[in-house]
Amino acid sequence: MKMQWIAYLGIPLIQLSTCFQIAKIYRLKRVEGVSVVFWWMVLGGLICYQVFALANMIWPYIISNALGIWLTIWYLTLYYRYKRPYRRWR
């Protein structure tokens, strides 16, 4: 438990990466080049890790995963909101 401060330092660092992506999508209103499969896999991994963290009551991971799940859902919501319909060449 002596190294728990590293987890608290890592929480904002890892979550900021998603925040920057959300800000970019919100600003540009475009999602070209985004891999939605990747984000669904991230969400699945976060949910699994959250179950583990809750079962073991590891608070830094509970906080981080809860924030990560919320940000990933927000990201996916923006993705589907700003996704352009597929257009075929004529």
N, C-alpha and C. Protein backbone atom coordinates (compact mmCIF):
# COMPACT_ATOMS: atom_id res chain seq x y z
N MET A 1 0.80 -1.19 0.00
CA MET A 1 0.00 0.00 0.00
C MET A 1 0.85 1.26 0.00
N LYS A 2 2.13 1.15 0.17
CA LYS A 2 2.99 2.33 0.19
C LYS A 2 3.04 3.02 -1.18
N MET A 3 2.80 2.28 -2.23
CA MET A 3 2.89 2.83 -3.58
C MET A 3 1.53 3.27 -4.12
N GLN A 4 0.52 3.38 -3.27
CA GLN A 4 -0.82 3.73 -3.73
C GLN A 4 -0.88 5.13 -4.33
N TRP A 5 0.00 6.03 -3.94
CA TRP A 5 0.01 7.38 -4.48
C TRP A 5 0.26 7.36 -5.98
N ILE A 6 0.98 6.36 -6.48
CA ILE A 6 1.23 6.26 -7.92
C ILE A 6 -0.07 6.02 -8.65
N ALA A 7 -0.97 5.22 -8.09
CA ALA A 7 -2.27 5.00 -8.71
C ALA A 7 -3.07 6.31 -8.76
N TYR A 8 -3.02 7.08 -7.68
CA TYR A 8 -3.74 8.36 -7.67
C TYR A 8 -3.13 9.36 -8.66
N LEU A 9 -1.86 9.26 -8.90
CA LEU A 9 -1.22 10.10 -9.91
C LEU A 9 -1.61 9.65 -11.32
N GLY A 10 -1.73 8.35 -11.50
CA GLY A 10 -2.06 7.81 -12.82
C GLY A 10 -3.50 8.04 -13.25
N ILE A 11 -4.42 8.18 -12.28
CA ILE A 11 -5.84 8.36 -12.62
C ILE A 11 -6.05 9.56 -13.54
N PRO A 12 -5.63 10.77 -13.18
CA PRO A 12 -5.89 11.88 -14.10
C PRO A 12 -5.10 11.77 -15.40
N LEU A 13 -3.93 11.18 -15.35
CA LEU A 13 -3.13 11.07 -16.57
C LEU A 13 -3.81 10.19 -17.61
N ILE A 14 -4.31 9.04 -17.20
CA ILE A 14 -4.93 8.13 -18.15
C ILE A 14 -6.28 8.66 -18.64
N GLN A 15 -7.01 9.32 -17.75
CA GLN A 15 -8.32 9.82 -18.15
C GLN A 15 -8.22 11.05 -19.04
N LEU A 16 -7.16 11.83 -18.90
CA LEU A 16 -6.99 13.01 -19.76
C LEU A 16 -6.86 12.63 -21.23
N SER A 17 -6.30 11.47 -21.50
CA SER A 17 -6.17 11.05 -22.90
C SER A 17 -7.54 10.94 -23.56
N THR A 18 -8.51 10.40 -22.86
CA THR A 18 -9.87 10.31 -23.41
C THR A 18 -10.51 11.68 -23.47
N CYS A 19 -10.26 12.53 -22.49
CA CYS A 19 -10.85 13.88 -22.49
C CYS A 19 -10.40 14.68 -23.71
N PHE A 20 -9.14 14.56 -24.09
CA PHE A 20 -8.66 15.27 -25.27
C PHE A 20 -9.34 14.78 -26.54
N GLN A 21 -9.58 13.48 -26.62
CA GLN A 21 -10.27 12.93 -27.79
C GLN A 21 -11.73 13.40 -27.83
N ILE A 22 -12.38 13.42 -26.69
CA ILE A 22 -13.77 13.89 -26.62
C ILE A 22 -13.84 15.35 -27.03
N ALA A 23 -12.91 16.17 -26.54
CA ALA A 23 -12.90 17.59 -26.88
C ALA A 23 -12.70 17.79 -28.38
N LYS A 24 -11.84 16.99 -28.99
CA LYS A 24 -11.60 17.11 -30.43
C LYS A 24 -12.85 16.75 -31.22
N ILE A 25 -13.50 15.66 -30.87
CA ILE A 25 -14.72 15.27 -31.58
C ILE A 25 -15.81 16.33 -31.39
N TYR A 26 -15.95 16.82 -30.18
CA TYR A 26 -16.99 17.81 -29.90
C TYR A 26 -16.73 19.11 -30.67
N ARG A 27 -15.45 19.50 -30.76
CA ARG A 27 -15.08 20.73 -31.46
C ARG A 27 -15.25 20.59 -32.96
N LEU A 28 -14.80 19.48 -33.54
CA LEU A 28 -14.85 19.29 -34.99
C LEU A 28 -16.17 18.73 -35.49
N LYS A 29 -16.93 18.09 -34.61
CA LYS A 29 -18.19 17.43 -34.99
C LYS A 29 -17.96 16.38 -36.08
N ARG A 30 -16.80 15.73 -36.01
CA ARG A 30 -16.42 14.70 -36.99
C ARG A 30 -15.71 13.56 -36.28
N VAL A 31 -15.88 12.35 -36.80
CA VAL A 31 -15.22 11.18 -36.20
C VAL A 31 -14.50 10.32 -37.23
N GLU A 32 -14.16 10.89 -38.37
CA GLU A 32 -13.47 10.10 -39.39
C GLU A 32 -12.15 9.56 -38.83
N GLY A 33 -11.86 8.33 -39.13
CA GLY A 33 -10.62 7.71 -38.71
C GLY A 33 -10.65 7.11 -37.32
N VAL A 34 -11.77 7.17 -36.64
CA VAL A 34 -11.90 6.61 -35.29
C VAL A 34 -12.29 5.15 -35.39
N SER A 35 -11.61 4.32 -34.64
CA SER A 35 -11.95 2.90 -34.59
C SER A 35 -12.95 2.67 -33.48
N VAL A 36 -14.22 2.49 -33.85
CA VAL A 36 -15.26 2.28 -32.85
C VAL A 36 -15.11 0.92 -32.17
N VAL A 37 -14.57 -0.06 -32.87
CA VAL A 37 -14.34 -1.38 -32.27
C VAL A 37 -13.36 -1.25 -31.10
N PHE A 38 -12.33 -0.45 -31.28
CA PHE A 38 -11.36 -0.22 -30.22
C PHE A 38 -12.04 0.32 -28.97
N TRP A 39 -12.92 1.30 -29.13
CA TRP A 39 -13.57 1.92 -27.97
C TRP A 39 -14.56 0.98 -27.31
N TRP A 40 -15.23 0.11 -28.08
CA TRP A 40 -16.10 -0.90 -27.46
C TRP A 40 -15.27 -1.90 -26.67
N MET A 41 -14.08 -2.23 -27.16
CA MET A 41 -13.21 -3.15 -26.43
C MET A 41 -12.68 -2.48 -25.16
N VAL A 42 -12.35 -1.19 -25.24
CA VAL A 42 -11.92 -0.46 -24.05
C VAL A 42 -13.03 -0.47 -23.00
N LEU A 43 -14.27 -0.21 -23.43
CA LEU A 43 -15.39 -0.21 -22.50
C LEU A 43 -15.57 -1.59 -21.85
N GLY A 44 -15.49 -2.64 -22.64
CA GLY A 44 -15.60 -3.99 -22.09
C GLY A 44 -14.50 -4.30 -21.10
N GLY A 45 -13.28 -3.89 -21.42
CA GLY A 45 -12.16 -4.10 -20.50
C GLY A 45 -12.31 -3.31 -19.22
N LEU A 46 -12.78 -2.08 -19.33
CA LEU A 46 -12.99 -1.26 -18.13
C LEU A 46 -14.07 -1.85 -17.23
N ILE A 47 -15.13 -2.37 -17.84
CA ILE A 47 -16.20 -2.97 -17.04
C ILE A 47 -15.67 -4.22 -16.31
N CYS A 48 -14.92 -5.05 -17.00
CA CYS A 48 -14.35 -6.24 -16.36
C CYS A 48 -13.40 -5.85 -15.23
N TYR A 49 -12.57 -4.86 -15.48
CA TYR A 49 -11.62 -4.42 -14.48
C TYR A 49 -12.34 -3.77 -13.30
N GLN A 50 -13.46 -3.10 -13.57
CA GLN A 50 -14.24 -2.48 -12.50
C GLN A 50 -14.85 -3.55 -11.59
N VAL A 51 -15.33 -4.63 -12.18
CA VAL A 51 -15.87 -5.73 -11.37
C VAL A 51 -14.78 -6.27 -10.45
N PHE A 52 -13.59 -6.45 -10.98
CA PHE A 52 -12.45 -6.92 -10.17
C PHE A 52 -12.13 -5.93 -9.06
N ALA A 53 -12.07 -4.64 -9.39
CA ALA A 53 -11.74 -3.62 -8.40
C ALA A 53 -12.80 -3.54 -7.30
N LEU A 54 -14.07 -3.66 -7.68
CA LEU A 54 -15.13 -3.64 -6.68
C LEU A 54 -15.09 -4.87 -5.78
N ALA A 55 -14.80 -6.02 -6.36
CA ALA A 55 -14.73 -7.25 -5.57
C ALA A 55 -13.60 -7.19 -4.54
N ASN A 56 -12.54 -6.48 -4.89
CA ASN A 56 -11.38 -6.39 -4.00
C ASN A 56 -11.28 -5.05 -3.28
N MET A 57 -12.26 -4.16 -3.51
CA MET A 57 -12.31 -2.84 -2.87
C MET A 57 -10.99 -2.08 -3.01
N ILE A 58 -10.52 -1.97 -4.24
CA ILE A 58 -9.30 -1.23 -4.52
C ILE A 58 -9.74 0.16 -5.02
N TRP A 59 -9.75 1.12 -4.11
CA TRP A 59 -10.36 2.42 -4.39
C TRP A 59 -9.74 3.20 -5.54
N PRO A 60 -8.43 3.24 -5.71
CA PRO A 60 -7.90 3.99 -6.86
C PRO A 60 -8.43 3.44 -8.19
N TYR A 61 -8.54 2.13 -8.28
CA TYR A 61 -9.03 1.52 -9.52
C TYR A 61 -10.54 1.68 -9.67
N ILE A 62 -11.26 1.66 -8.57
CA ILE A 62 -12.71 1.89 -8.63
C ILE A 62 -12.98 3.29 -9.16
N ILE A 63 -12.28 4.28 -8.63
CA ILE A 63 -12.46 5.66 -9.07
C ILE A 63 -12.05 5.82 -10.53
N SER A 64 -10.90 5.31 -10.87
CA SER A 64 -10.39 5.44 -12.23
C SER A 64 -11.27 4.74 -13.25
N ASN A 65 -11.69 3.52 -12.93
CA ASN A 65 -12.52 2.77 -13.87
C ASN A 65 -13.90 3.38 -14.01
N ALA A 66 -14.47 3.89 -12.93
CA ALA A 66 -15.78 4.54 -13.02
C ALA A 66 -15.69 5.76 -13.93
N LEU A 67 -14.65 6.56 -13.75
CA LEU A 67 -14.45 7.72 -14.62
C LEU A 67 -14.19 7.29 -16.06
N GLY A 68 -13.38 6.25 -16.22
CA GLY A 68 -13.09 5.74 -17.57
C GLY A 68 -14.32 5.21 -18.27
N ILE A 69 -15.17 4.50 -17.55
CA ILE A 69 -16.41 3.98 -18.14
C ILE A 69 -17.29 5.14 -18.57
N TRP A 70 -17.44 6.14 -17.71
CA TRP A 70 -18.26 7.30 -18.04
C TRP A 70 -17.72 8.04 -19.27
N LEU A 71 -16.41 8.27 -19.31
CA LEU A 71 -15.81 8.97 -20.46
C LEU A 71 -15.93 8.15 -21.74
N THR A 72 -15.76 6.85 -21.66
CA THR A 72 -15.86 6.01 -22.85
C THR A 72 -17.29 5.98 -23.37
N ILE A 73 -18.26 5.94 -22.49
CA ILE A 73 -19.66 5.99 -22.93
C ILE A 73 -19.95 7.34 -23.58
N TRP A 74 -19.42 8.41 -23.02
CA TRP A 74 -19.59 9.73 -23.61
C TRP A 74 -18.94 9.77 -25.00
N TYR A 75 -17.74 9.19 -25.11
CA TYR A 75 -17.03 9.13 -26.39
C TYR A 75 -17.86 8.37 -27.42
N LEU A 76 -18.38 7.22 -27.05
CA LEU A 76 -19.18 6.43 -27.98
C LEU A 76 -20.47 7.15 -28.36
N THR A 77 -21.06 7.85 -27.42
CA THR A 77 -22.26 8.64 -27.72
C THR A 77 -21.95 9.70 -28.77
N LEU A 78 -20.85 10.41 -28.60
CA LEU A 78 -20.45 11.41 -29.60
C LEU A 78 -20.13 10.76 -30.94
N TYR A 79 -19.52 9.59 -30.89
CA TYR A 79 -19.20 8.89 -32.14
C TYR A 79 -20.47 8.63 -32.95
N TYR A 80 -21.45 8.05 -32.31
CA TYR A 80 -22.68 7.73 -33.04
C TYR A 80 -23.49 8.97 -33.39
N ARG A 81 -23.30 10.02 -32.64
CA ARG A 81 -24.01 11.27 -32.97
C ARG A 81 -23.42 11.94 -34.20
N TYR A 82 -22.10 11.94 -34.33
CA TYR A 82 -21.43 12.65 -35.42
C TYR A 82 -20.97 11.76 -36.56
N LYS A 83 -21.28 10.47 -36.48
CA LYS A 83 -20.89 9.56 -37.55
C LYS A 83 -21.65 9.92 -38.83
N ARG A 84 -20.94 10.02 -39.91
CA ARG A 84 -21.57 10.33 -41.19
C ARG A 84 -22.06 9.03 -41.81
N PRO A 85 -23.21 9.07 -42.44
CA PRO A 85 -23.70 7.84 -43.10
C PRO A 85 -22.77 7.45 -44.26
N TYR A 86 -22.70 6.16 -44.46
CA TYR A 86 -21.88 5.63 -45.54
C TYR A 86 -22.48 6.03 -46.88
N ARG A 87 -21.64 6.61 -47.76
CA ARG A 87 -22.11 7.00 -49.09
C ARG A 87 -21.30 6.25 -50.13
N ARG A 88 -21.99 5.64 -51.06
CA ARG A 88 -21.32 4.89 -52.14
C ARG A 88 -20.98 5.84 -53.28
N TRP A 89 -19.91 5.52 -53.98
CA TRP A 89 -19.54 6.27 -55.18
C TRP A 89 -20.50 5.91 -56.28
N ARG A 90 -20.90 6.87 -57.06
CA ARG A 90 -21.81 6.61 -58.18
C ARG A 90 -21.10 6.73 -59.49
